[in-house]
Amino acid sequence: MTTLQYRRRPMSMRFGAGPSVTVAGAQWPVYKLIAVAASLLTAIMVGAATMNAELTTWLVAVVAVSSWWGARAVLGRR
């Protein structure tokens, strides 16, 4: 049997609301934009320097995940 549990606070406040910006009419946390920008910059730089799709993909994934969690940890404390 299941039960209905009401939330006392909005989901965005659950993990600590950090700074956000409006992108195409929706609120985006800044840490997501940092991860996207870092990933794009990495893809352009590594892709142009090595011309190796596999290396570029792996490095973009590593940069995306590490910048996502790092920026979230830093910006979420404010």
Protein backbone atom coordinates (compact mmCIF):
# COMPACT_ATOMS: atom_id res chain seq x y z
CA MET A 1 0.00 0.00 0.00
CA THR A 2 1.24 3.49 -0.77
CA THR A 3 0.73 6.75 1.05
CA LEU A 4 0.73 10.34 -0.06
CA GLN A 5 3.34 12.55 1.56
CA TYR A 6 3.04 16.29 1.23
CA ARG A 7 6.17 18.34 0.75
CA ARG A 8 6.58 21.21 3.14
CA ARG A 9 8.97 23.14 0.94
CA PRO A 10 9.52 23.35 -2.82
CA MET A 11 11.86 20.86 -4.45
CA SER A 12 14.30 23.62 -5.50
CA MET A 13 14.85 24.52 -1.85
CA ARG A 14 15.49 20.93 -0.83
CA PHE A 15 19.24 20.86 -1.48
CA GLY A 16 19.87 24.53 -0.85
CA ALA A 17 18.96 27.14 -3.40
CA GLY A 18 21.98 28.66 -5.03
CA PRO A 19 22.13 31.50 -7.51
CA SER A 20 20.18 31.02 -10.73
CA VAL A 21 19.63 32.77 -14.05
CA THR A 22 16.79 32.75 -16.55
CA VAL A 23 17.50 30.77 -19.73
CA ALA A 24 14.70 30.69 -22.31
CA GLY A 25 12.14 31.52 -19.63
CA ALA A 26 13.24 28.83 -17.16
CA GLN A 27 15.35 29.21 -14.03
CA TRP A 28 18.72 27.44 -14.33
CA PRO A 29 21.17 27.06 -11.47
CA VAL A 30 24.50 28.72 -12.21
CA TYR A 31 26.43 25.51 -11.56
CA LYS A 32 24.74 23.89 -14.58
CA LEU A 33 25.74 26.77 -16.82
CA ILE A 34 29.33 26.54 -15.56
CA ALA A 35 29.39 22.84 -16.42
CA VAL A 36 28.00 23.45 -19.91
CA ALA A 37 30.47 26.28 -20.61
CA ALA A 38 33.44 24.27 -19.32
CA SER A 39 32.40 21.28 -21.42
CA LEU A 40 32.04 23.32 -24.59
CA LEU A 41 35.39 25.00 -24.05
CA THR A 42 37.04 21.64 -23.43
CA ALA A 43 35.44 20.12 -26.53
CA ILE A 44 36.66 22.96 -28.73
CA MET A 45 40.18 23.06 -27.34
CA VAL A 46 40.86 19.31 -27.11
CA GLY A 47 39.05 18.55 -30.36
CA ALA A 48 41.06 21.12 -32.28
CA ALA A 49 44.35 20.15 -30.68
CA THR A 50 44.14 16.35 -30.98
CA MET A 51 41.49 15.64 -33.64
CA ASN A 52 40.69 12.51 -31.62
CA ALA A 53 36.99 12.02 -30.96
CA GLU A 54 37.42 9.37 -28.28
CA LEU A 55 39.85 11.43 -26.18
CA THR A 56 37.70 14.53 -26.59
CA THR A 57 34.56 12.69 -25.48
CA TRP A 58 36.21 11.24 -22.38
CA LEU A 59 37.72 14.57 -21.34
CA VAL A 60 34.46 16.45 -21.91
CA ALA A 61 32.63 13.92 -19.73
CA VAL A 62 35.22 14.24 -16.95
CA VAL A 63 35.16 18.05 -17.09
CA ALA A 64 31.36 18.16 -17.16
CA VAL A 65 30.90 15.93 -14.12
CA SER A 66 33.70 17.46 -12.06
CA SER A 67 32.70 21.06 -12.80
CA TRP A 68 29.01 20.25 -12.17
CA TRP A 69 29.65 18.77 -8.72
CA GLY A 70 32.44 21.18 -7.82
CA ALA A 71 30.47 24.30 -8.68
CA ARG A 72 27.37 22.86 -7.01
CA ALA A 73 29.32 22.25 -3.80
CA VAL A 74 30.82 25.74 -3.81
CA LEU A 75 27.73 27.70 -4.90
CA GLY A 76 25.31 25.66 -2.77
CA ARG A 77 26.94 26.84 0.46
CA ARG A 78 25.93 30.44 -0.02
